[in-house]
PDB file of all heavy atoms in Angstrom:
ATOM      1  N   ALA A   1      32.029  39.554 -10.783  1.00  0.00           N
ATOM      2  CA  ALA A   1      33.226  39.012 -10.175  1.00  0.00           C
ATOM      3  C   ALA A   1      33.966  38.101 -11.162  1.00  0.00           C
ATOM      4  O   ALA A   1      35.218  37.934 -11.144  1.00  0.00           O
ATOM      5  CB  ALA A   1      32.865  38.291  -8.977  1.00  0.00           C
ATOM      6  N   LEU A   2      33.195  37.365 -11.992  1.00  0.00           N
ATOM      7  CA  LEU A   2      33.819  36.495 -12.962  1.00  0.00           C
ATOM      8  C   LEU A   2      34.253  37.091 -14.259  1.00  0.00           C
ATOM      9  O   LEU A   2      34.889  36.503 -15.074  1.00  0.00           O
ATOM     10  CB  LEU A   2      32.825  35.297 -13.198  1.00  0.00           C
ATOM     11  CG  LEU A   2      32.321  34.519 -12.021  1.00  0.00           C
ATOM     12  CD1 LEU A   2      31.284  33.439 -12.434  1.00  0.00           C
ATOM     13  CD2 LEU A   2      33.621  33.785 -11.378  1.00  0.00           C
ATOM     14  N   SER A   3      33.741  38.352 -14.452  1.00  0.00           N
ATOM     15  CA  SER A   3      33.970  38.977 -15.827  1.00  0.00           C
ATOM     16  C   SER A   3      35.055  40.088 -15.729  1.00  0.00           C
ATOM     17  O   SER A   3      35.968  40.024 -16.622  1.00  0.00           O
ATOM     18  CB  SER A   3      32.661  39.727 -16.208  1.00  0.00           C
ATOM     19  OG  SER A   3      31.621  38.842 -16.306  1.00  0.00           O
ATOM     20  N   VAL A   4      35.115  40.905 -14.781  1.00  0.00           N
ATOM     21  CA  VAL A   4      36.011  42.118 -14.765  1.00  0.00           C
ATOM     22  C   VAL A   4      37.471  41.705 -14.763  1.00  0.00           C
ATOM     23  O   VAL A   4      38.232  42.144 -15.638  1.00  0.00           O
ATOM     24  CB  VAL A   4      35.705  42.944 -13.479  1.00  0.00           C
ATOM     25  CG1 VAL A   4      36.701  44.068 -13.405  1.00  0.00           C
ATOM     26  CG2 VAL A   4      34.312  43.402 -13.519  1.00  0.00           C
ATOM     27  N   SER A   5      37.894  40.738 -13.932  1.00  0.00           N
ATOM     28  CA  SER A   5      39.311  40.327 -13.873  1.00  0.00           C
ATOM     29  C   SER A   5      39.713  39.711 -15.220  1.00  0.00           C
ATOM     30  O   SER A   5      40.781  39.999 -15.730  1.00  0.00           O
ATOM     31  CB  SER A   5      39.550  39.351 -12.752  1.00  0.00           C
ATOM     32  OG  SER A   5      40.924  38.926 -12.692  1.00  0.00           O
ATOM     33  N   SER A   6      38.905  38.883 -15.822  1.00  0.00           N
ATOM     34  CA  SER A   6      39.239  38.216 -17.045  1.00  0.00           C
ATOM     35  C   SER A   6      39.316  39.206 -18.216  1.00  0.00           C
ATOM     36  O   SER A   6      40.227  39.147 -19.018  1.00  0.00           O
ATOM     37  CB  SER A   6      38.186  37.167 -17.360  1.00  0.00           C
ATOM     38  OG  SER A   6      38.533  36.533 -18.596  1.00  0.00           O
ATOM     39  N   VAL A   7      38.455  40.193 -18.256  1.00  0.00           N
ATOM     40  CA  VAL A   7      38.441  41.125 -19.422  1.00  0.00           C
ATOM     41  C   VAL A   7      39.630  42.137 -19.234  1.00  0.00           C
ATOM     42  O   VAL A   7      40.233  42.454 -20.222  1.00  0.00           O
ATOM     43  CB  VAL A   7      37.097  41.880 -19.475  1.00  0.00           C
ATOM     44  CG1 VAL A   7      37.149  43.090 -20.386  1.00  0.00           C
ATOM     45  CG2 VAL A   7      35.991  40.916 -19.835  1.00  0.00           C
ATOM     46  N   THR A   8      39.898  42.709 -18.028  1.00  0.00           N
ATOM     47  CA  THR A   8      40.914  43.718 -17.817  1.00  0.00           C
ATOM     48  C   THR A   8      42.239  43.137 -17.636  1.00  0.00           C
ATOM     49  O   THR A   8      43.205  43.834 -17.850  1.00  0.00           O
ATOM     50  CB  THR A   8      40.479  44.676 -16.681  1.00  0.00           C
ATOM     51  OG1 THR A   8      40.446  43.785 -15.461  1.00  0.00           O
ATOM     52  CG2 THR A   8      39.168  45.291 -16.840  1.00  0.00           C
ATOM     53  N   GLY A   9      42.392  41.929 -17.252  1.00  0.00           N
ATOM     54  CA  GLY A   9      43.660  41.296 -16.968  1.00  0.00           C
ATOM     55  C   GLY A   9      44.154  41.774 -15.598  1.00  0.00           C
ATOM     56  O   GLY A   9      45.336  41.425 -15.254  1.00  0.00           O
ATOM     57  N   LYS A  10      43.362  42.484 -14.774  1.00  0.00           N
ATOM     58  CA  LYS A  10      43.833  43.021 -13.482  1.00  0.00           C
ATOM     59  C   LYS A  10      43.182  42.071 -12.471  1.00  0.00           C
ATOM     60  O   LYS A  10      42.074  41.666 -12.466  1.00  0.00           O
ATOM     61  CB  LYS A  10      43.335  44.422 -13.187  1.00  0.00           C
ATOM     62  CG  LYS A  10      43.683  45.414 -14.375  1.00  0.00           C
ATOM     63  CD  LYS A  10      45.295  45.546 -14.487  1.00  0.00           C
ATOM     64  CE  LYS A  10      45.703  46.358 -15.676  1.00  0.00           C
ATOM     65  NZ  LYS A  10      45.313  47.749 -15.517  1.00  0.00           N
ATOM     66  N   PRO A  11      43.943  41.852 -11.342  1.00  0.00           N
ATOM     67  CA  PRO A  11      43.540  40.853 -10.314  1.00  0.00           C
ATOM     68  C   PRO A  11      42.428  41.483  -9.374  1.00  0.00           C
ATOM     69  O   PRO A  11      42.482  42.658  -9.052  1.00  0.00           O
ATOM     70  CB  PRO A  11      44.815  40.539  -9.491  1.00  0.00           C
ATOM     71  CG  PRO A  11      45.652  41.840  -9.677  1.00  0.00           C
ATOM     72  CD  PRO A  11      45.341  42.336 -10.968  1.00  0.00           C
ATOM     73  N   VAL A  12      41.615  40.611  -8.871  1.00  0.00           N
ATOM     74  CA  VAL A  12      40.760  41.021  -7.773  1.00  0.00           C
ATOM     75  C   VAL A  12      41.508  40.788  -6.452  1.00  0.00           C
ATOM     76  O   VAL A  12      42.040  39.758  -6.180  1.00  0.00           O
ATOM     77  CB  VAL A  12      39.439  40.127  -7.749  1.00  0.00           C
ATOM     78  CG1 VAL A  12      38.567  40.499  -6.531  1.00  0.00           C
ATOM     79  CG2 VAL A  12      38.669  40.104  -9.034  1.00  0.00           C
ATOM     80  N   MET A  13      41.602  41.882  -5.724  1.00  0.00           N
ATOM     81  CA  MET A  13      42.470  41.918  -4.587  1.00  0.00           C
ATOM     82  C   MET A  13      41.733  41.781  -3.265  1.00  0.00           C
ATOM     83  O   MET A  13      42.167  41.188  -2.254  1.00  0.00           O
ATOM     84  CB  MET A  13      43.362  43.162  -4.584  1.00  0.00           C
ATOM     85  CG  MET A  13      44.363  43.230  -5.695  1.00  0.00           C
ATOM     86  SD  MET A  13      45.275  44.725  -5.801  1.00  0.00           S
ATOM     87  CE  MET A  13      46.160  44.701  -4.229  1.00  0.00           C
ATOM     88  N   PHE A  14      40.573  42.438  -3.201  1.00  0.00           N
ATOM     89  CA  PHE A  14      39.753  42.404  -1.891  1.00  0.00           C
ATOM     90  C   PHE A  14      38.237  42.217  -2.189  1.00  0.00           C
ATOM     91  O   PHE A  14      37.820  42.436  -3.305  1.00  0.00           O
ATOM     92  CB  PHE A  14      39.977  43.714  -1.114  1.00  0.00           C
ATOM     93  CG  PHE A  14      41.417  43.956  -0.652  1.00  0.00           C
ATOM     94  CD1 PHE A  14      42.202  44.683  -1.430  1.00  0.00           C
ATOM     95  CD2 PHE A  14      41.880  43.329   0.462  1.00  0.00           C
ATOM     96  CE1 PHE A  14      43.524  45.035  -0.938  1.00  0.00           C
ATOM     97  CE2 PHE A  14      43.166  43.523   0.872  1.00  0.00           C
ATOM     98  CZ  PHE A  14      44.036  44.290   0.265  1.00  0.00           C
ATOM     99  N   ALA A  15      37.569  41.757  -1.211  1.00  0.00           N
ATOM    100  CA  ALA A  15      36.143  41.580  -1.337  1.00  0.00           C
ATOM    101  C   ALA A  15      35.465  42.172  -0.096  1.00  0.00           C
ATOM    102  O   ALA A  15      35.929  41.884   1.059  1.00  0.00           O
ATOM    103  CB  ALA A  15      35.787  40.142  -1.578  1.00  0.00           C
ATOM    104  N   SER A  16      34.375  42.908  -0.232  1.00  0.00           N
ATOM    105  CA  SER A  16      33.624  43.483   0.857  1.00  0.00           C
ATOM    106  C   SER A  16      32.389  42.554   0.926  1.00  0.00           C
ATOM    107  O   SER A  16      31.641  42.414  -0.017  1.00  0.00           O
ATOM    108  CB  SER A  16      33.205  44.933   0.562  1.00  0.00           C
ATOM    109  OG  SER A  16      32.466  45.436   1.559  1.00  0.00           O
ATOM    110  N   THR A  17      32.147  41.912   2.123  1.00  0.00           N
ATOM    111  CA  THR A  17      31.155  40.964   2.291  1.00  0.00           C
ATOM    112  C   THR A  17      30.000  41.269   3.264  1.00  0.00           C
ATOM    113  O   THR A  17      29.243  40.419   3.616  1.00  0.00           O
ATOM    114  CB  THR A  17      31.749  39.569   2.695  1.00  0.00           C
ATOM    115  OG1 THR A  17      32.441  39.796   3.964  1.00  0.00           O
ATOM    116  CG2 THR A  17      32.706  39.135   1.652  1.00  0.00           C
ATOM    117  N   GLY A  18      29.885  42.585   3.610  1.00  0.00           N
ATOM    118  CA  GLY A  18      28.833  42.977   4.509  1.00  0.00           C
ATOM    119  C   GLY A  18      28.902  44.461   4.796  1.00  0.00           C
ATOM    120  O   GLY A  18      29.742  45.164   4.222  1.00  0.00           O
ATOM    121  N   GLU A  19      28.060  44.932   5.677  1.00  0.00           N
ATOM    122  CA  GLU A  19      28.037  46.377   6.096  1.00  0.00           C
ATOM    123  C   GLU A  19      29.015  46.786   7.244  1.00  0.00           C
ATOM    124  O   GLU A  19      29.428  47.904   7.278  1.00  0.00           O
ATOM    125  CB  GLU A  19      26.626  46.732   6.503  1.00  0.00           C
ATOM    126  CG  GLU A  19      25.582  46.605   5.388  1.00  0.00           C
ATOM    127  CD  GLU A  19      24.149  46.949   5.785  1.00  0.00           C
ATOM    128  OE1 GLU A  19      24.050  47.461   7.030  1.00  0.00           O
ATOM    129  OE2 GLU A  19      23.344  46.858   5.075  1.00  0.00           O
ATOM    130  N   SER A  20      29.417  45.740   8.067  1.00  0.00           N
ATOM    131  CA  SER A  20      30.336  46.038   9.108  1.00  0.00           C
ATOM    132  C   SER A  20      31.696  46.258   8.617  1.00  0.00           C
ATOM    133  O   SER A  20      32.164  45.687   7.523  1.00  0.00           O
ATOM    134  CB  SER A  20      30.312  44.896  10.108  1.00  0.00           C
ATOM    135  OG  SER A  20      31.384  45.020  11.017  1.00  0.00           O
ATOM    136  N   LEU A  21      32.534  47.080   9.330  1.00  0.00           N
ATOM    137  CA  LEU A  21      33.871  47.335   8.947  1.00  0.00           C
ATOM    138  C   LEU A  21      34.705  46.104   8.974  1.00  0.00           C
ATOM    139  O   LEU A  21      35.769  46.051   8.334  1.00  0.00           O
ATOM    140  CB  LEU A  21      34.525  48.413   9.805  1.00  0.00           C
ATOM    141  CG  LEU A  21      33.935  49.874   9.693  1.00  0.00           C
ATOM    142  CD1 LEU A  21      34.688  50.809  10.511  1.00  0.00           C
ATOM    143  CD2 LEU A  21      33.927  50.291   8.253  1.00  0.00           C
ATOM    144  N   ASP A  22      34.292  45.099   9.621  1.00  0.00           N
ATOM    145  CA  ASP A  22      35.033  43.862   9.665  1.00  0.00           C
ATOM    146  C   ASP A  22      34.667  42.873   8.558  1.00  0.00           C
ATOM    147  O   ASP A  22      35.407  41.909   8.336  1.00  0.00           O
ATOM    148  CB  ASP A  22      34.731  43.060  10.974  1.00  0.00           C
ATOM    149  CG  ASP A  22      35.276  43.794  12.226  1.00  0.00           C
ATOM    150  OD1 ASP A  22      36.407  44.310  12.163  1.00  0.00           O
ATOM    151  OD2 ASP A  22      34.594  43.884  13.154  1.00  0.00           O
ATOM    152  N   ASP A  23      33.672  43.198   7.741  1.00  0.00           N
ATOM    153  CA  ASP A  23      33.290  42.313   6.678  1.00  0.00           C
ATOM    154  C   ASP A  23      34.096  42.700   5.429  1.00  0.00           C
ATOM    155  O   ASP A  23      33.609  43.218   4.474  1.00  0.00           O
ATOM    156  CB  ASP A  23      31.817  42.556   6.371  1.00  0.00           C
ATOM    157  CG  ASP A  23      30.939  42.127   7.521  1.00  0.00           C
ATOM    158  OD1 ASP A  23      31.351  41.134   8.210  1.00  0.00           O
ATOM    159  OD2 ASP A  23      29.815  42.682   7.730  1.00  0.00           O
ATOM    160  N   PHE A  24      35.378  42.344   5.484  1.00  0.00           N
ATOM    161  CA  PHE A  24      36.367  42.766   4.493  1.00  0.00           C
ATOM    162  C   PHE A  24      37.433  41.654   4.459  1.00  0.00           C
ATOM    163  O   PHE A  24      37.930  41.347   5.516  1.00  0.00           O
ATOM    164  CB  PHE A  24      36.868  44.122   4.764  1.00  0.00           C
ATOM    165  CG  PHE A  24      37.887  44.643   3.732  1.00  0.00           C
ATOM    166  CD1 PHE A  24      37.427  45.151   2.498  1.00  0.00           C
ATOM    167  CD2 PHE A  24      39.329  44.575   4.017  1.00  0.00           C
ATOM    168  CE1 PHE A  24      38.361  45.610   1.574  1.00  0.00           C
ATOM    169  CE2 PHE A  24      40.182  45.140   3.035  1.00  0.00           C
ATOM    170  CZ  PHE A  24      39.663  45.663   1.883  1.00  0.00           C
ATOM    171  N   GLU A  25      37.767  41.172   3.314  1.00  0.00           N
ATOM    172  CA  GLU A  25      38.695  40.127   3.309  1.00  0.00           C
ATOM    173  C   GLU A  25      39.572  40.146   2.046  1.00  0.00           C
ATOM    174  O   GLU A  25      39.255  40.697   0.976  1.00  0.00           O
ATOM    175  CB  GLU A  25      38.054  38.757   3.432  1.00  0.00           C
ATOM    176  CG  GLU A  25      36.979  38.512   2.242  1.00  0.00           C
ATOM    177  CD  GLU A  25      36.255  37.220   2.514  1.00  0.00           C
ATOM    178  OE1 GLU A  25      35.738  37.007   3.607  1.00  0.00           O
ATOM    179  OE2 GLU A  25      36.084  36.452   1.518  1.00  0.00           O
ATOM    180  N   LEU A  26      40.805  39.599   2.118  1.00  0.00           N
ATOM    181  CA  LEU A  26      41.666  39.390   1.058  1.00  0.00           C
ATOM    182  C   LEU A  26      40.989  38.392   0.086  1.00  0.00           C
ATOM    183  O   LEU A  26      40.416  37.332   0.509  1.00  0.00           O
ATOM    184  CB  LEU A  26      42.986  38.906   1.553  1.00  0.00           C
ATOM    185  CG  LEU A  26      44.238  38.914   0.599  1.00  0.00           C
ATOM    186  CD1 LEU A  26      44.454  40.378   0.255  1.00  0.00           C
ATOM    187  CD2 LEU A  26      45.416  38.225   1.163  1.00  0.00           C
ATOM    188  N   PHE A  27      41.084  38.667  -1.258  1.00  0.00           N
ATOM    189  CA  PHE A  27      40.432  37.703  -2.164  1.00  0.00           C
ATOM    190  C   PHE A  27      41.285  36.639  -2.670  1.00  0.00           C
ATOM    191  O   PHE A  27      42.448  36.924  -3.165  1.00  0.00           O
ATOM    192  CB  PHE A  27      39.956  38.589  -3.419  1.00  0.00           C
ATOM    193  CG  PHE A  27      39.063  37.830  -4.422  1.00  0.00           C
ATOM    194  CD1 PHE A  27      37.696  37.791  -4.199  1.00  0.00           C
ATOM    195  CD2 PHE A  27      39.574  37.189  -5.435  1.00  0.00           C
ATOM    196  CE1 PHE A  27      36.927  37.108  -5.106  1.00  0.00           C
ATOM    197  CE2 PHE A  27      38.869  36.452  -6.414  1.00  0.00           C
ATOM    198  CZ  PHE A  27      37.502  36.476  -6.192  1.00  0.00           C
ATOM    199  N   HIS A  28      40.883  35.475  -2.386  1.00  0.00           N
ATOM    200  CA  HIS A  28      41.624  34.204  -2.847  1.00  0.00           C
ATOM    201  C   HIS A  28      40.912  33.479  -3.997  1.00  0.00           C
ATOM    202  O   HIS A  28      39.797  32.956  -3.746  1.00  0.00           O
ATOM    203  CB  HIS A  28      41.839  33.251  -1.637  1.00  0.00           C
ATOM    204  CG  HIS A  28      42.590  33.850  -0.480  1.00  0.00           C
ATOM    205  ND1 HIS A  28      43.970  33.846  -0.412  1.00  0.00           N
ATOM    206  CD2 HIS A  28      42.120  34.344   0.627  1.00  0.00           C
ATOM    207  CE1 HIS A  28      44.275  34.417   0.763  1.00  0.00           C
ATOM    208  NE2 HIS A  28      43.206  34.721   1.425  1.00  0.00           N
ATOM    209  N   PRO A  29      41.339  33.626  -5.204  1.00  0.00           N
ATOM    210  CA  PRO A  29      40.641  33.072  -6.355  1.00  0.00           C
ATOM    211  C   PRO A  29      40.342  31.602  -6.157  1.00  0.00           C
ATOM    212  O   PRO A  29      39.296  31.074  -6.549  1.00  0.00           O
ATOM    213  CB  PRO A  29      41.599  33.295  -7.467  1.00  0.00           C
ATOM    214  CG  PRO A  29      42.402  34.421  -7.070  1.00  0.00           C
ATOM    215  CD  PRO A  29      42.567  34.388  -5.699  1.00  0.00           C
ATOM    216  N   ASP A  30      41.251  30.744  -5.578  1.00  0.00           N
ATOM    217  CA  ASP A  30      41.037  29.325  -5.421  1.00  0.00           C
ATOM    218  C   ASP A  30      40.000  29.082  -4.434  1.00  0.00           C
ATOM    219  O   ASP A  30      39.118  28.236  -4.605  1.00  0.00           O
ATOM    220  CB  ASP A  30      42.317  28.671  -5.087  1.00  0.00           C
ATOM    221  CG  ASP A  30      42.959  29.338  -3.848  1.00  0.00           C
ATOM    222  OD1 ASP A  30      42.698  30.458  -3.544  1.00  0.00           O
ATOM    223  OD2 ASP A  30      43.880  28.663  -3.192  1.00  0.00           O
ATOM    224  N   ARG A  31      39.992  29.918  -3.291  1.00  0.00           N
ATOM    225  CA  ARG A  31      38.841  29.642  -2.361  1.00  0.00           C
ATOM    226  C   ARG A  31      37.512  30.144  -2.881  1.00  0.00           C
ATOM    227  O   ARG A  31      36.463  29.376  -2.568  1.00  0.00           O
ATOM    228  CB  ARG A  31      39.240  30.461  -1.060  1.00  0.00           C
ATOM    229  CG  ARG A  31      40.513  30.010  -0.409  1.00  0.00           C
ATOM    230  CD  ARG A  31      40.817  30.763   0.814  1.00  0.00           C
ATOM    231  NE  ARG A  31      42.192  30.565   1.284  1.00  0.00           N
ATOM    232  CZ  ARG A  31      42.683  31.103   2.436  1.00  0.00           C
ATOM    233  NH1 ARG A  31      41.932  31.805   3.204  1.00  0.00           N
ATOM    234  NH2 ARG A  31      43.898  30.882   2.775  1.00  0.00           N
ATOM    235  N   MET A  32      37.488  31.136  -3.607  1.00  0.00           N
ATOM    236  CA  MET A  32      36.230  31.648  -4.252  1.00  0.00           C
ATOM    237  C   MET A  32      35.652  30.623  -5.159  1.00  0.00           C
ATOM    238  O   MET A  32      34.470  30.274  -5.229  1.00  0.00           O
ATOM    239  CB  MET A  32      36.351  32.998  -4.905  1.00  0.00           C
ATOM    240  CG  MET A  32      35.034  33.512  -5.442  1.00  0.00           C
ATOM    241  SD  MET A  32      33.774  33.710  -4.129  1.00  0.00           S
ATOM    242  CE  MET A  32      34.394  34.997  -3.115  1.00  0.00           C
ATOM    243  N   ALA A  33      36.523  29.996  -5.944  1.00  0.00           N
ATOM    244  CA  ALA A  33      36.094  28.873  -6.920  1.00  0.00           C
ATOM    245  C   ALA A  33      35.553  27.742  -6.110  1.00  0.00           C
ATOM    246  O   ALA A  33      34.562  27.111  -6.545  1.00  0.00           O
ATOM    247  CB  ALA A  33      37.314  28.557  -7.773  1.00  0.00           C
ATOM    248  N   SER A  34      36.137  27.431  -4.992  1.00  0.00           N
ATOM    249  CA  SER A  34      35.629  26.338  -4.197  1.00  0.00           C
ATOM    250  C   SER A  34      34.302  26.589  -3.631  1.00  0.00           C
ATOM    251  O   SER A  34      33.460  25.730  -3.593  1.00  0.00           O
ATOM    252  CB  SER A  34      36.674  25.983  -3.048  1.00  0.00           C
ATOM    253  OG  SER A  34      37.883  25.493  -3.513  1.00  0.00           O
ATOM    254  N   ARG A  35      34.055  27.827  -3.274  1.00  0.00           N
ATOM    255  CA  ARG A  35      32.736  28.261  -2.740  1.00  0.00           C
ATOM    256  C   ARG A  35      31.693  28.163  -3.876  1.00  0.00           C
ATOM    257  O   ARG A  35      30.614  27.637  -3.626  1.00  0.00           O
ATOM    258  CB  ARG A  35      32.824  29.672  -2.239  1.00  0.00           C
ATOM    259  CG  ARG A  35      33.576  29.862  -0.970  1.00  0.00           C
ATOM    260  CD  ARG A  35      33.277  31.294  -0.472  1.00  0.00           C
ATOM    261  NE  ARG A  35      34.394  31.734   0.471  1.00  0.00           N
ATOM    262  CZ  ARG A  35      34.380  32.924   1.066  1.00  0.00           C
ATOM    263  NH1 ARG A  35      33.392  33.740   0.909  1.00  0.00           N
ATOM    264  NH2 ARG A  35      35.352  33.216   1.950  1.00  0.00           N
ATOM    265  N   ILE A  36      32.026  28.590  -5.080  1.00  0.00           N
ATOM    266  CA  ILE A  36      31.124  28.436  -6.162  1.00  0.00           C
ATOM    267  C   ILE A  36      30.776  26.999  -6.489  1.00  0.00           C
ATOM    268  O   ILE A  36      29.559  26.787  -6.770  1.00  0.00           O
ATOM    269  CB  ILE A  36      31.700  29.193  -7.394  1.00  0.00           C
ATOM    270  CG1 ILE A  36      31.881  30.710  -7.192  1.00  0.00           C
ATOM    271  CG2 ILE A  36      30.733  28.888  -8.625  1.00  0.00           C
ATOM    272  CD1 ILE A  36      32.558  31.459  -8.182  1.00  0.00           C
ATOM    273  N   LEU A  37      31.727  26.183  -6.446  1.00  0.00           N
ATOM    274  CA  LEU A  37      31.465  24.788  -6.685  1.00  0.00           C
ATOM    275  C   LEU A  37      30.983  24.005  -5.508  1.00  0.00           C
ATOM    276  O   LEU A  37      30.965  22.732  -5.484  1.00  0.00           O
ATOM    277  CB  LEU A  37      32.724  24.137  -7.287  1.00  0.00           C
ATOM    278  CG  LEU A  37      33.196  24.630  -8.665  1.00  0.00           C
ATOM    279  CD1 LEU A  37      34.518  23.972  -9.107  1.00  0.00           C
ATOM    280  CD2 LEU A  37      32.108  24.432  -9.650  1.00  0.00           C
ATOM    281  N   ASP A  38      30.660  24.718  -4.357  1.00  0.00           N
ATOM    282  CA  ASP A  38      30.078  24.084  -3.135  1.00  0.00           C
ATOM    283  C   ASP A  38      31.064  23.127  -2.465  1.00  0.00           C
ATOM    284  O   ASP A  38      30.708  22.164  -1.914  1.00  0.00           O
ATOM    285  CB  ASP A  38      28.731  23.389  -3.487  1.00  0.00           C
ATOM    286  CG  ASP A  38      27.944  23.167  -2.232  1.00  0.00           C
ATOM    287  OD1 ASP A  38      28.160  23.891  -1.230  1.00  0.00           O
ATOM    288  OD2 ASP A  38      27.035  22.235  -2.289  1.00  0.00           O
TER     289      ASP A  38
END
């Protein structure tokens, strides 16, 4: 997740977070960074 966007220059648009069809969300870089930094 931290490599692909930086190397290709293409944005991460969505993230699949589980097996259910509802486990799908729009990818927000600022929110993901906040999660990584707790």
